[in-house]
Protein backbone atom coordinates (compact mmCIF):
# COMPACT_ATOMS: atom_id res chain seq x y z
CA UNK A 1 -48.95 -9.95 -2.53
CA UNK A 2 -45.20 -10.28 -3.01
CA UNK A 3 -44.19 -10.16 -6.63
CA UNK A 4 -42.11 -12.87 -8.23
CA UNK A 5 -39.24 -10.43 -8.84
CA UNK A 6 -39.21 -9.47 -5.12
CA UNK A 7 -39.11 -13.14 -4.13
CA UNK A 8 -36.23 -13.74 -6.53
CA UNK A 9 -34.38 -10.71 -5.18
CA UNK A 10 -34.90 -11.91 -1.58
CA UNK A 11 -33.77 -15.39 -2.57
CA UNK A 12 -30.63 -13.96 -4.21
CA UNK A 13 -29.81 -11.94 -1.09
CA UNK A 14 -30.24 -14.99 1.15
CA UNK A 15 -28.07 -17.05 -1.20
CA UNK A 16 -25.37 -14.37 -1.16
CA UNK A 17 -25.48 -14.15 2.67
CA UNK A 18 -25.22 -17.93 2.91
CA UNK A 19 -22.21 -17.93 0.57
CA UNK A 20 -20.61 -15.13 2.61
CA UNK A 21 -21.09 -17.07 5.87
CA UNK A 22 -19.67 -20.22 4.27
CA UNK A 23 -16.67 -18.37 2.85
CA UNK A 24 -15.83 -16.69 6.16
CA UNK A 25 -16.28 -19.99 7.98
CA UNK A 26 -13.69 -21.66 5.76
CA UNK A 27 -11.35 -18.67 5.99
CA UNK A 28 -11.66 -18.97 9.77
CA UNK A 29 -10.78 -22.67 9.88
CA UNK A 30 -6.98 -22.20 10.25
CA UNK A 31 -7.57 -19.84 13.19
CA UNK A 32 -9.75 -22.41 14.91
CA UNK A 33 -7.24 -25.16 14.20
CA UNK A 34 -4.69 -23.09 16.14
CA UNK A 35 -6.54 -24.48 19.15
CA UNK A 36 -4.42 -27.60 18.76
CA UNK A 37 -1.29 -25.46 19.16
CA UNK A 38 -2.82 -23.99 22.31
CA UNK A 39 -3.39 -27.51 23.65
CA UNK A 40 0.22 -28.40 22.85
CA UNK A 41 1.53 -25.35 24.71
CA UNK A 42 -0.78 -26.27 27.60
CA UNK A 43 0.13 -29.94 27.94
CA UNK A 44 3.28 -30.64 25.89
CA UNK A 45 5.17 -27.33 25.68
CA UNK A 46 8.56 -29.02 25.25
CA UNK A 47 7.65 -30.17 21.73
CA UNK A 48 7.40 -26.54 20.56
CA UNK A 49 10.32 -24.23 19.72
CA UNK A 50 11.49 -21.89 22.49
CA UNK A 51 10.53 -18.81 20.46
CA UNK A 52 6.87 -19.93 20.30
CA UNK A 53 6.83 -20.80 24.01
CA UNK A 54 8.20 -17.33 24.84
CA UNK A 55 5.53 -15.61 22.72
CA UNK A 56 2.78 -17.63 24.37
CA UNK A 57 4.20 -16.92 27.82
CA UNK A 58 4.21 -13.14 27.18
CA UNK A 59 0.59 -13.39 26.11
CA UNK A 60 -0.39 -15.42 29.19
CA UNK A 61 1.41 -13.04 31.54
CA UNK A 62 -0.36 -10.08 29.93
CA UNK A 63 -3.76 -11.63 30.63
CA UNK A 64 -2.74 -12.74 34.13
CA UNK A 65 -1.97 -9.07 34.79
CA UNK A 66 -5.42 -8.08 33.51
CA UNK A 67 -7.06 -10.75 35.69
CA UNK A 68 -4.93 -9.80 38.68
CA UNK A 69 -3.94 -13.40 39.31
CA UNK A 70 -1.56 -16.01 38.01
CA UNK A 71 -3.29 -18.57 35.81
CA UNK A 72 -1.20 -21.64 35.12
CA UNK A 73 -0.15 -22.20 31.54
CA UNK A 74 -1.95 -25.53 31.25
CA UNK A 75 -5.25 -24.05 32.50
CA UNK A 76 -4.94 -20.85 30.46
CA UNK A 77 -3.95 -22.44 27.15
CA UNK A 78 -6.06 -25.54 27.72
CA UNK A 79 -9.08 -23.27 28.02
CA UNK A 80 -8.25 -21.31 24.86
CA UNK A 81 -7.44 -24.44 22.89
CA UNK A 82 -10.73 -26.04 23.88
CA UNK A 83 -12.64 -22.84 23.08
CA UNK A 84 -11.05 -22.53 19.65
CA UNK A 85 -11.63 -26.15 18.65
CA UNK A 86 -15.21 -26.28 19.94
CA UNK A 87 -15.90 -22.84 18.43
CA UNK A 88 -14.62 -24.04 15.08
CA UNK A 89 -16.86 -27.12 15.21
CA UNK A 90 -19.81 -24.89 16.12
CA UNK A 91 -19.36 -22.41 13.26
CA UNK A 92 -19.10 -25.35 10.88
CA UNK A 93 -22.58 -26.32 12.03
CA UNK A 94 -21.69 -29.46 13.97
CA UNK A 95 -23.43 -28.19 17.11
CA UNK A 96 -26.58 -26.74 15.55
CA UNK A 97 -27.61 -23.25 14.49
CA UNK A 98 -28.01 -21.84 18.01
CA UNK A 99 -24.43 -22.67 18.98
CA UNK A 100 -23.21 -21.37 15.62
CA UNK A 101 -24.49 -17.94 16.67
CA UNK A 102 -23.11 -18.28 20.21
CA UNK A 103 -19.72 -19.40 18.90
CA UNK A 104 -19.63 -16.51 16.42
CA UNK A 105 -20.28 -14.07 19.27
CA UNK A 106 -17.56 -15.76 21.38
CA UNK A 107 -15.10 -15.48 18.47
CA UNK A 108 -15.85 -11.75 18.33
CA UNK A 109 -15.06 -11.44 22.04
CA UNK A 110 -11.87 -13.44 21.58
CA UNK A 111 -10.80 -11.19 18.70
CA UNK A 112 -11.45 -8.07 20.79
CA UNK A 113 -9.11 -9.66 23.33
CA UNK A 114 -6.59 -10.41 20.58
CA UNK A 115 -6.61 -6.78 19.45
CA UNK A 116 -6.09 -5.71 23.07
CA UNK A 117 -3.21 -8.20 23.44
CA UNK A 118 -1.52 -6.92 20.29
CA UNK A 119 -1.82 -3.35 21.56
CA UNK A 120 -0.40 -4.26 24.98
CA UNK A 121 2.47 -6.29 23.50
CA UNK A 122 3.14 -3.56 20.93
CA UNK A 123 2.46 -5.90 18.01
CA UNK A 124 0.64 -4.98 14.77
CA UNK A 125 -3.13 -4.97 15.29
CA UNK A 126 -4.00 -5.47 11.61
CA UNK A 127 -4.37 -9.27 11.66
CA UNK A 128 -6.61 -9.54 14.73
CA UNK A 129 -8.59 -6.44 13.70
CA UNK A 130 -9.23 -7.98 10.27
CA UNK A 131 -10.32 -11.23 11.93
CA UNK A 132 -12.61 -9.28 14.24
CA UNK A 133 -14.15 -7.58 11.22
CA UNK A 134 -14.69 -10.91 9.46
CA UNK A 135 -16.55 -12.36 12.43
CA UNK A 136 -18.71 -9.24 12.82
CA UNK A 137 -19.66 -9.49 9.11
CA UNK A 138 -20.36 -13.22 9.56
CA UNK A 139 -22.62 -12.57 12.56
CA UNK A 140 -24.54 -9.89 10.66
CA UNK A 141 -24.93 -12.22 7.67
CA UNK A 142 -26.15 -15.00 9.96
CA UNK A 143 -28.69 -12.67 11.52
CA UNK A 144 -30.33 -11.91 8.14
């Protein structure tokens, strides 16, 4: 039989993991909301400053080189914007627990790509690497 103290300890661990997942989810929210910026660059790029459009264009061209084909800006950024917004909704639980896990895994893949992009564009990798770490921790906490 499981002792009362073991049940309490297990309950405390589950509560801590739940709090960790919730905290990371809310920390992640601004990153997911960036999906709206991606949709703007995809469909209304003229409303954004030239400097932002140039940065996004360098990023798109980098990935077009990896893919070996030119992907139009509206398709490329429309896809990423949609992924970020739907991924954000999923990790907030609006699409059920199964898609929360799938979205978390997709965020990890996206952050691996972000680290790669920062390396290729000779930008600091700290921010995307930290984000990658957060989502790995979140996935592990979800799996418990």
